[in-house]
Amino acid sequence: MSFRHKGLERFFTQDDARGIHPSHVRKLRQILTYLDVAVIPADLDLPTFRLHQLKGELQGMWSVSVNGNWRVTFRFMGTDVELVDYLDYH
């Protein structure tokens, strides 16, 4: 898995939550666990994740909900997840 968001990468690799919203820690841990083992987008199709494919400039990317406007975005290259990002859409 490769990351765009360095704070999210540090959280995943070192369990260091600096750079992410404290109230998102639990949900992000769950999302990253699923992303780590996912081989197709459908592996992330859980009701609480609200998985959807992005359009326009972000075509080819997928998004799951963290909380409110916060999302984790990513894409699949074969069976690998890459470009994992954590952002506030608004």
PDB file of N, CA and C in Angstrom:
ATOM      1  N   MET A   1       0.863  -1.170   0.000  1.00  0.00           N
ATOM      2  CA  MET A   1       0.000   0.000   0.000  1.00  0.00           C
ATOM      3  C   MET A   1       0.906   1.227   0.000  1.00  0.00           C
ATOM      4  N   SER A   2       0.574   2.182  -0.864  1.00  0.00           N
ATOM      5  CA  SER A   2       1.327   3.429  -0.901  1.00  0.00           C
ATOM      6  C   SER A   2       0.408   4.583  -0.503  1.00  0.00           C
ATOM      7  N   PHE A   3       1.015   5.631   0.035  1.00  0.00           N
ATOM      8  CA  PHE A   3       0.261   6.734   0.616  1.00  0.00           C
ATOM      9  C   PHE A   3       0.614   8.064  -0.024  1.00  0.00           C
ATOM     10  N   ARG A   4      -0.375   8.935  -0.126  1.00  0.00           N
ATOM     11  CA  ARG A   4      -0.163  10.351  -0.445  1.00  0.00           C
ATOM     12  C   ARG A   4      -0.051  11.148   0.849  1.00  0.00           C
ATOM     13  N   HIS A   5      -0.850  10.791   1.842  1.00  0.00           N
ATOM     14  CA  HIS A   5      -0.917  11.519   3.107  1.00  0.00           C
ATOM     15  C   HIS A   5       0.114  10.936   4.088  1.00  0.00           C
ATOM     16  N   LYS A   6       1.127  11.711   4.403  1.00  0.00           N
ATOM     17  CA  LYS A   6       2.224  11.233   5.245  1.00  0.00           C
ATOM     18  C   LYS A   6       1.780  10.926   6.678  1.00  0.00           C
ATOM     19  N   GLY A   7       0.836  11.711   7.216  1.00  0.00           N
ATOM     20  CA  GLY A   7       0.338  11.439   8.565  1.00  0.00           C
ATOM     21  C   GLY A   7      -0.398  10.111   8.622  1.00  0.00           C
ATOM     22  N   LEU A   8      -1.154   9.807   7.586  1.00  0.00           N
ATOM     23  CA  LEU A   8      -1.879   8.541   7.525  1.00  0.00           C
ATOM     24  C   LEU A   8      -0.899   7.379   7.368  1.00  0.00           C
ATOM     25  N   GLU A   9       0.140   7.591   6.589  1.00  0.00           N
ATOM     26  CA  GLU A   9       1.171   6.556   6.439  1.00  0.00           C
ATOM     27  C   GLU A   9       1.864   6.289   7.774  1.00  0.00           C
ATOM     28  N   ARG A  10       2.200   7.343   8.496  1.00  0.00           N
ATOM     29  CA  ARG A  10       2.846   7.201   9.802  1.00  0.00           C
ATOM     30  C   ARG A  10       1.917   6.477  10.780  1.00  0.00           C
ATOM     31  N   PHE A  11       0.634   6.783  10.719  1.00  0.00           N
ATOM     32  CA  PHE A  11      -0.349   6.109  11.572  1.00  0.00           C
ATOM     33  C   PHE A  11      -0.397   4.615  11.241  1.00  0.00           C
ATOM     34  N   PHE A  12      -0.381   4.281   9.960  1.00  0.00           N
ATOM     35  CA  PHE A  12      -0.458   2.890   9.534  1.00  0.00           C
ATOM     36  C   PHE A  12       0.817   2.110   9.887  1.00  0.00           C
ATOM     37  N   THR A  13       1.963   2.712   9.646  1.00  0.00           N
ATOM     38  CA  THR A  13       3.225   1.987   9.829  1.00  0.00           C
ATOM     39  C   THR A  13       3.775   2.051  11.249  1.00  0.00           C
ATOM     40  N   GLN A  14       3.471   3.130  11.981  1.00  0.00           N
ATOM     41  CA  GLN A  14       4.075   3.326  13.296  1.00  0.00           C
ATOM     42  C   GLN A  14       3.061   3.507  14.417  1.00  0.00           C
ATOM     43  N   ASP A  15       1.774   3.469  14.082  1.00  0.00           N
ATOM     44  CA  ASP A  15       0.701   3.727  15.047  1.00  0.00           C
ATOM     45  C   ASP A  15       0.874   5.083  15.729  1.00  0.00           C
ATOM     46  N   ASP A  16       1.359   6.060  14.966  1.00  0.00           N
ATOM     47  CA  ASP A  16       1.578   7.430  15.427  1.00  0.00           C
ATOM     48  C   ASP A  16       0.464   8.292  14.828  1.00  0.00           C
ATOM     49  N   ALA A  17      -0.421   8.804  15.665  1.00  0.00           N
ATOM     50  CA  ALA A  17      -1.616   9.505  15.195  1.00  0.00           C
ATOM     51  C   ALA A  17      -1.409  10.996  14.928  1.00  0.00           C
ATOM     52  N   ARG A  18      -0.171  11.484  15.014  1.00  0.00           N
ATOM     53  CA  ARG A  18       0.063  12.895  14.670  1.00  0.00           C
ATOM     54  C   ARG A  18      -0.291  13.101  13.210  1.00  0.00           C
ATOM     55  N   GLY A  19      -1.002  14.152  12.914  1.00  0.00           N
ATOM     56  CA  GLY A  19      -1.350  14.462  11.537  1.00  0.00           C
ATOM     57  C   GLY A  19      -2.729  13.977  11.132  1.00  0.00           C
ATOM     58  N   ILE A  20      -3.440  13.320  12.049  1.00  0.00           N
ATOM     59  CA  ILE A  20      -4.815  12.937  11.772  1.00  0.00           C
ATOM     60  C   ILE A  20      -5.702  13.423  12.912  1.00  0.00           C
ATOM     61  N   HIS A  21      -6.953  13.635  12.625  1.00  0.00           N
ATOM     62  CA  HIS A  21      -7.894  14.145  13.613  1.00  0.00           C
ATOM     63  C   HIS A  21      -8.099  13.085  14.707  1.00  0.00           C
ATOM     64  N   PRO A  22      -7.939  13.451  15.984  1.00  0.00           N
ATOM     65  CA  PRO A  22      -8.054  12.473  17.073  1.00  0.00           C
ATOM     66  C   PRO A  22      -9.370  11.696  17.088  1.00  0.00           C
ATOM     67  N   SER A  23     -10.459  12.333  16.705  1.00  0.00           N
ATOM     68  CA  SER A  23     -11.746  11.637  16.720  1.00  0.00           C
ATOM     69  C   SER A  23     -11.887  10.633  15.568  1.00  0.00           C
ATOM     70  N   HIS A  24     -10.933  10.633  14.630  1.00  0.00           N
ATOM     71  CA  HIS A  24     -10.988   9.735  13.484  1.00  0.00           C
ATOM     72  C   HIS A  24     -10.120   8.486  13.657  1.00  0.00           C
ATOM     73  N   VAL A  25      -9.366   8.418  14.744  1.00  0.00           N
ATOM     74  CA  VAL A  25      -8.395   7.329  14.923  1.00  0.00           C
ATOM     75  C   VAL A  25      -9.037   5.954  14.788  1.00  0.00           C
ATOM     76  N   ARG A  26     -10.110   5.731  15.485  1.00  0.00           N
ATOM     77  CA  ARG A  26     -10.741   4.400  15.475  1.00  0.00           C
ATOM     78  C   ARG A  26     -11.229   4.010  14.074  1.00  0.00           C
ATOM     79  N   LYS A  27     -11.919   4.922  13.407  1.00  0.00           N
ATOM     80  CA  LYS A  27     -12.456   4.626  12.075  1.00  0.00           C
ATOM     81  C   LYS A  27     -11.324   4.468  11.065  1.00  0.00           C
ATOM     82  N   LEU A  28     -10.292   5.312  11.148  1.00  0.00           N
ATOM     83  CA  LEU A  28      -9.167   5.196  10.234  1.00  0.00           C
ATOM     84  C   LEU A  28      -8.443   3.862  10.418  1.00  0.00           C
ATOM     85  N   ARG A  29      -8.318   3.423  11.646  1.00  0.00           N
ATOM     86  CA  ARG A  29      -7.684   2.126  11.900  1.00  0.00           C
ATOM     87  C   ARG A  29      -8.486   1.020  11.199  1.00  0.00           C
ATOM     88  N   GLN A  30      -9.806   1.089  11.286  1.00  0.00           N
ATOM     89  CA  GLN A  30     -10.666   0.103  10.644  1.00  0.00           C
ATOM     90  C   GLN A  30     -10.518   0.167   9.113  1.00  0.00           C
ATOM     91  N   ILE A  31     -10.559   1.362   8.562  1.00  0.00           N
ATOM     92  CA  ILE A  31     -10.427   1.524   7.108  1.00  0.00           C
ATOM     93  C   ILE A  31      -9.083   0.992   6.619  1.00  0.00           C
ATOM     94  N   LEU A  32      -8.008   1.354   7.304  1.00  0.00           N
ATOM     95  CA  LEU A  32      -6.675   0.922   6.888  1.00  0.00           C
ATOM     96  C   LEU A  32      -6.514  -0.590   6.990  1.00  0.00           C
ATOM     97  N   THR A  33      -7.137  -1.200   7.978  1.00  0.00           N
ATOM     98  CA  THR A  33      -7.098  -2.659   8.114  1.00  0.00           C
ATOM     99  C   THR A  33      -7.751  -3.310   6.902  1.00  0.00           C
ATOM    100  N   TYR A  34      -8.906  -2.802   6.504  1.00  0.00           N
ATOM    101  CA  TYR A  34      -9.588  -3.338   5.335  1.00  0.00           C
ATOM    102  C   TYR A  34      -8.811  -3.058   4.048  1.00  0.00           C
ATOM    103  N   LEU A  35      -8.266  -1.857   3.913  1.00  0.00           N
ATOM    104  CA  LEU A  35      -7.480  -1.536   2.723  1.00  0.00           C
ATOM    105  C   LEU A  35      -6.264  -2.447   2.594  1.00  0.00           C
ATOM    106  N   ASP A  36      -5.665  -2.794   3.704  1.00  0.00           N
ATOM    107  CA  ASP A  36      -4.458  -3.613   3.699  1.00  0.00           C
ATOM    108  C   ASP A  36      -4.708  -5.004   3.119  1.00  0.00           C
ATOM    109  N   VAL A  37      -5.899  -5.539   3.288  1.00  0.00           N
ATOM    110  CA  VAL A  37      -6.197  -6.892   2.803  1.00  0.00           C
ATOM    111  C   VAL A  37      -7.080  -6.908   1.553  1.00  0.00           C
ATOM    112  N   ALA A  38      -7.604  -5.759   1.159  1.00  0.00           N
ATOM    113  CA  ALA A  38      -8.501  -5.688  -0.002  1.00  0.00           C
ATOM    114  C   ALA A  38      -7.746  -6.005  -1.294  1.00  0.00           C
ATOM    115  N   VAL A  39      -8.423  -6.725  -2.194  1.00  0.00           N
ATOM    116  CA  VAL A  39      -7.848  -6.998  -3.508  1.00  0.00           C
ATOM    117  C   VAL A  39      -8.736  -6.460  -4.629  1.00  0.00           C
ATOM    118  N   ILE A  40      -9.981  -6.121  -4.286  1.00  0.00           N
ATOM    119  CA  ILE A  40     -10.907  -5.485  -5.221  1.00  0.00           C
ATOM    120  C   ILE A  40     -11.728  -4.459  -4.444  1.00  0.00           C
ATOM    121  N   PRO A  41     -12.261  -3.449  -5.113  1.00  0.00           N
ATOM    122  CA  PRO A  41     -13.056  -2.434  -4.410  1.00  0.00           C
ATOM    123  C   PRO A  41     -14.210  -3.020  -3.593  1.00  0.00           C
ATOM    124  N   ALA A  42     -14.847  -4.058  -4.072  1.00  0.00           N
ATOM    125  CA  ALA A  42     -15.986  -4.649  -3.362  1.00  0.00           C
ATOM    126  C   ALA A  42     -15.616  -5.122  -1.956  1.00  0.00           C
ATOM    127  N   ASP A  43     -14.339  -5.386  -1.708  1.00  0.00           N
ATOM    128  CA  ASP A  43     -13.900  -5.783  -0.360  1.00  0.00           C
ATOM    129  C   ASP A  43     -14.131  -4.677   0.656  1.00  0.00           C
ATOM    130  N   LEU A  44     -14.345  -3.459   0.182  1.00  0.00           N
ATOM    131  CA  LEU A  44     -14.547  -2.301   1.053  1.00  0.00           C
ATOM    132  C   LEU A  44     -15.997  -1.822   1.057  1.00  0.00           C
ATOM    133  N   ASP A  45     -16.874  -2.613   0.487  1.00  0.00           N
ATOM    134  CA  ASP A  45     -18.274  -2.205   0.352  1.00  0.00           C
ATOM    135  C   ASP A  45     -19.067  -2.534   1.615  1.00  0.00           C
ATOM    136  N   LEU A  46     -18.741  -1.806   2.686  1.00  0.00           N
ATOM    137  CA  LEU A  46     -19.435  -1.929   3.967  1.00  0.00           C
ATOM    138  C   LEU A  46     -20.353  -0.728   4.135  1.00  0.00           C
ATOM    139  N   PRO A  47     -21.511  -0.888   4.745  1.00  0.00           N
ATOM    140  CA  PRO A  47     -22.438   0.246   4.879  1.00  0.00           C
ATOM    141  C   PRO A  47     -21.817   1.478   5.549  1.00  0.00           C
ATOM    142  N   THR A  48     -20.992   1.291   6.562  1.00  0.00           N
ATOM    143  CA  THR A  48     -20.420   2.447   7.263  1.00  0.00           C
ATOM    144  C   THR A  48     -19.323   3.141   6.461  1.00  0.00           C
ATOM    145  N   PHE A  49     -18.776   2.478   5.451  1.00  0.00           N
ATOM    146  CA  PHE A  49     -17.716   3.075   4.636  1.00  0.00           C
ATOM    147  C   PHE A  49     -18.276   3.929   3.503  1.00  0.00           C
ATOM    148  N   ARG A  50     -19.500   3.643   3.060  1.00  0.00           N
ATOM    149  CA  ARG A  50     -20.114   4.365   1.939  1.00  0.00           C
ATOM    150  C   ARG A  50     -19.159   4.461   0.742  1.00  0.00           C
ATOM    151  N   LEU A  51     -18.664   3.320   0.329  1.00  0.00           N
ATOM    152  CA  LEU A  51     -17.744   3.229  -0.807  1.00  0.00           C
ATOM    153  C   LEU A  51     -18.379   3.784  -2.075  1.00  0.00           C
ATOM    154  N   HIS A  52     -17.623   4.609  -2.795  1.00  0.00           N
ATOM    155  CA  HIS A  52     -18.077   5.049  -4.105  1.00  0.00           C
ATOM    156  C   HIS A  52     -16.878   5.422  -4.982  1.00  0.00           C
ATOM    157  N   GLN A  53     -17.081   5.261  -6.277  1.00  0.00           N
ATOM    158  CA  GLN A  53     -16.058   5.600  -7.242  1.00  0.00           C
ATOM    159  C   GLN A  53     -16.154   7.089  -7.553  1.00  0.00           C
ATOM    160  N   LEU A  54     -15.004   7.726  -7.703  1.00  0.00           N
ATOM    161  CA  LEU A  54     -14.969   9.158  -7.972  1.00  0.00           C
ATOM    162  C   LEU A  54     -14.997   9.422  -9.476  1.00  0.00           C
ATOM    163  N   LYS A  55     -15.366  10.643  -9.829  1.00  0.00           N
ATOM    164  CA  LYS A  55     -15.512  11.033 -11.228  1.00  0.00           C
ATOM    165  C   LYS A  55     -14.637  12.239 -11.532  1.00  0.00           C
ATOM    166  N   GLY A  56     -14.693  12.675 -12.769  1.00  0.00           N
ATOM    167  CA  GLY A  56     -13.968  13.881 -13.173  1.00  0.00           C
ATOM    168  C   GLY A  56     -12.467  13.708 -13.079  1.00  0.00           C
ATOM    169  N   GLU A  57     -11.793  14.704 -12.489  1.00  0.00           N
ATOM    170  CA  GLU A  57     -10.338  14.677 -12.355  1.00  0.00           C
ATOM    171  C   GLU A  57      -9.849  13.482 -11.548  1.00  0.00           C
ATOM    172  N   LEU A  58     -10.710  12.960 -10.675  1.00  0.00           N
ATOM    173  CA  LEU A  58     -10.324  11.849  -9.809  1.00  0.00           C
ATOM    174  C   LEU A  58     -10.852  10.507 -10.318  1.00  0.00           C
ATOM    175  N   GLN A  59     -11.206  10.452 -11.581  1.00  0.00           N
ATOM    176  CA  GLN A  59     -11.699   9.208 -12.160  1.00  0.00           C
ATOM    177  C   GLN A  59     -10.663   8.105 -11.948  1.00  0.00           C
ATOM    178  N   GLY A  60     -11.140   6.939 -11.564  1.00  0.00           N
ATOM    179  CA  GLY A  60     -10.254   5.811 -11.263  1.00  0.00           C
ATOM    180  C   GLY A  60      -9.954   5.675  -9.788  1.00  0.00           C
ATOM    181  N   MET A  61     -10.298   6.709  -9.022  1.00  0.00           N
ATOM    182  CA  MET A  61     -10.096   6.692  -7.572  1.00  0.00           C
ATOM    183  C   MET A  61     -11.396   6.255  -6.892  1.00  0.00           C
ATOM    184  N   TRP A  62     -11.252   5.756  -5.690  1.00  0.00           N
ATOM    185  CA  TRP A  62     -12.376   5.360  -4.857  1.00  0.00           C
ATOM    186  C   TRP A  62     -12.338   6.145  -3.564  1.00  0.00           C
ATOM    187  N   SER A  63     -13.469   6.227  -2.882  1.00  0.00           N
ATOM    188  CA  SER A  63     -13.563   6.976  -1.641  1.00  0.00           C
ATOM    189  C   SER A  63     -14.390   6.201  -0.622  1.00  0.00           C
ATOM    190  N   VAL A  64     -13.968   6.285   0.639  1.00  0.00           N
ATOM    191  CA  VAL A  64     -14.771   5.778   1.751  1.00  0.00           C
ATOM    192  C   VAL A  64     -14.888   6.890   2.783  1.00  0.00           C
ATOM    193  N   SER A  65     -15.985   6.883   3.501  1.00  0.00           N
ATOM    194  CA  SER A  65     -16.277   7.929   4.472  1.00  0.00           C
ATOM    195  C   SER A  65     -15.597   7.660   5.808  1.00  0.00           C
ATOM    196  N   VAL A  66     -15.024   8.705   6.377  1.00  0.00           N
ATOM    197  CA  VAL A  66     -14.473   8.632   7.729  1.00  0.00           C
ATOM    198  C   VAL A  66     -15.491   9.225   8.691  1.00  0.00           C
ATOM    199  N   ASN A  67     -15.814  10.515   8.487  1.00  0.00           N
ATOM    200  CA  ASN A  67     -16.748  11.214   9.363  1.00  0.00           C
ATOM    201  C   ASN A  67     -17.049  12.572   8.733  1.00  0.00           C
ATOM    202  N   GLY A  68     -18.304  12.942   8.690  1.00  0.00           N
ATOM    203  CA  GLY A  68     -18.658  14.237   8.114  1.00  0.00           C
ATOM    204  C   GLY A  68     -18.134  14.360   6.694  1.00  0.00           C
ATOM    205  N   ASN A  69     -17.356  15.405   6.437  1.00  0.00           N
ATOM    206  CA  ASN A  69     -16.772  15.631   5.108  1.00  0.00           C
ATOM    207  C   ASN A  69     -15.458  14.892   4.886  1.00  0.00           C
ATOM    208  N   TRP A  70     -14.939  14.236   5.902  1.00  0.00           N
ATOM    209  CA  TRP A  70     -13.639  13.573   5.807  1.00  0.00           C
ATOM    210  C   TRP A  70     -13.749  12.246   5.074  1.00  0.00           C
ATOM    211  N   ARG A  71     -12.809  12.008   4.159  1.00  0.00           N
ATOM    212  CA  ARG A  71     -12.782  10.799   3.339  1.00  0.00           C
ATOM    213  C   ARG A  71     -11.369  10.239   3.252  1.00  0.00           C
ATOM    214  N   VAL A  72     -11.297   8.955   2.982  1.00  0.00           N
ATOM    215  CA  VAL A  72     -10.047   8.319   2.566  1.00  0.00           C
ATOM    216  C   VAL A  72     -10.247   7.955   1.099  1.00  0.00           C
ATOM    217  N   THR A  73      -9.322   8.412   0.260  1.00  0.00           N
ATOM    218  CA  THR A  73      -9.396   8.104  -1.163  1.00  0.00           C
ATOM    219  C   THR A  73      -8.215   7.206  -1.528  1.00  0.00           C
ATOM    220  N   PHE A  74      -8.384   6.442  -2.606  1.00  0.00           N
ATOM    221  CA  PHE A  74      -7.355   5.484  -3.009  1.00  0.00           C
ATOM    222  C   PHE A  74      -7.697   4.968  -4.395  1.00  0.00           C
ATOM    223  N   ARG A  75      -6.766   4.225  -4.971  1.00  0.00           N
ATOM    224  CA  ARG A  75      -7.061   3.535  -6.217  1.00  0.00           C
ATOM    225  C   ARG A  75      -6.429   2.152  -6.159  1.00  0.00           C
ATOM    226  N   PHE A  76      -6.937   1.287  -7.010  1.00  0.00           N
ATOM    227  CA  PHE A  76      -6.386  -0.057  -7.141  1.00  0.00           C
ATOM    228  C   PHE A  76      -5.524  -0.116  -8.383  1.00  0.00           C
ATOM    229  N   MET A  77      -4.372  -0.717  -8.266  1.00  0.00           N
ATOM    230  CA  MET A  77      -3.521  -1.075  -9.404  1.00  0.00           C
ATOM    231  C   MET A  77      -3.392  -2.587  -9.324  1.00  0.00           C
ATOM    232  N   GLY A  78      -4.160  -3.259 -10.150  1.00  0.00           N
ATOM    233  CA  GLY A  78      -4.255  -4.713 -10.024  1.00  0.00           C
ATOM    234  C   GLY A  78      -4.954  -5.019  -8.709  1.00  0.00           C
ATOM    235  N   THR A  79      -4.267  -5.756  -7.850  1.00  0.00           N
ATOM    236  CA  THR A  79      -4.842  -6.077  -6.534  1.00  0.00           C
ATOM    237  C   THR A  79      -4.221  -5.246  -5.420  1.00  0.00           C
ATOM    238  N   ASP A  80      -3.413  -4.256  -5.782  1.00  0.00           N
ATOM    239  CA  ASP A  80      -2.752  -3.411  -4.789  1.00  0.00           C
ATOM    240  C   ASP A  80      -3.462  -2.071  -4.638  1.00  0.00           C
ATOM    241  N   VAL A  81      -3.524  -1.584  -3.415  1.00  0.00           N
ATOM    242  CA  VAL A  81      -4.092  -0.270  -3.125  1.00  0.00           C
ATOM    243  C   VAL A  81      -2.947   0.742  -3.099  1.00  0.00           C
ATOM    244  N   GLU A  82      -3.169   1.884  -3.748  1.00  0.00           N
ATOM    245  CA  GLU A  82      -2.123   2.904  -3.774  1.00  0.00           C
ATOM    246  C   GLU A  82      -2.725   4.301  -3.685  1.00  0.00           C
ATOM    247  N   LEU A  83      -1.853   5.257  -3.461  1.00  0.00           N
ATOM    248  CA  LEU A  83      -2.207   6.683  -3.392  1.00  0.00           C
ATOM    249  C   LEU A  83      -3.287   6.943  -2.329  1.00  0.00           C
ATOM    250  N   VAL A  84      -3.147   6.307  -1.185  1.00  0.00           N
ATOM    251  CA  VAL A  84      -4.122   6.466  -0.110  1.00  0.00           C
ATOM    252  C   VAL A  84      -3.983   7.872   0.468  1.00  0.00           C
ATOM    253  N   ASP A  85      -5.097   8.591   0.499  1.00  0.00           N
ATOM    254  CA  ASP A  85      -5.101   9.974   0.968  1.00  0.00           C
ATOM    255  C   ASP A  85      -6.214  10.157   1.989  1.00  0.00           C
ATOM    256  N   TYR A  86      -6.067  11.151   2.834  1.00  0.00           N
ATOM    257  CA  TYR A  86      -7.031  11.479   3.899  1.00  0.00           C
ATOM    258  C   TYR A  86      -7.309  12.963   3.775  1.00  0.00           C
ATOM    259  N   LEU A  87      -8.573  13.304   3.461  1.00  0.00           N
ATOM    260  CA  LEU A  87      -8.858  14.712   3.201  1.00  0.00           C
ATOM    261  C   LEU A  87     -10.282  15.102   3.561  1.00  0.00           C
ATOM    262  N   ASP A  88     -10.452  16.391   3.723  1.00  0.00           N
ATOM    263  CA  ASP A  88     -11.749  17.001   3.981  1.00  0.00           C
ATOM    264  C   ASP A  88     -12.232  17.545   2.643  1.00  0.00           C
ATOM    265  N   TYR A  89     -13.334  16.988   2.133  1.00  0.00           N
ATOM    266  CA  TYR A  89     -13.846  17.393   0.817  1.00  0.00           C
ATOM    267  C   TYR A  89     -14.279  18.847   0.741  1.00  0.00           C
ATOM    268  N   HIS A  90     -14.624  19.457   1.850  1.00  0.00           N
ATOM    269  CA  HIS A  90     -15.151  20.823   1.783  1.00  0.00           C
ATOM    270  C   HIS A  90     -14.333  21.714   2.660  1.00  0.00           C
TER     271      HIS A  90
END
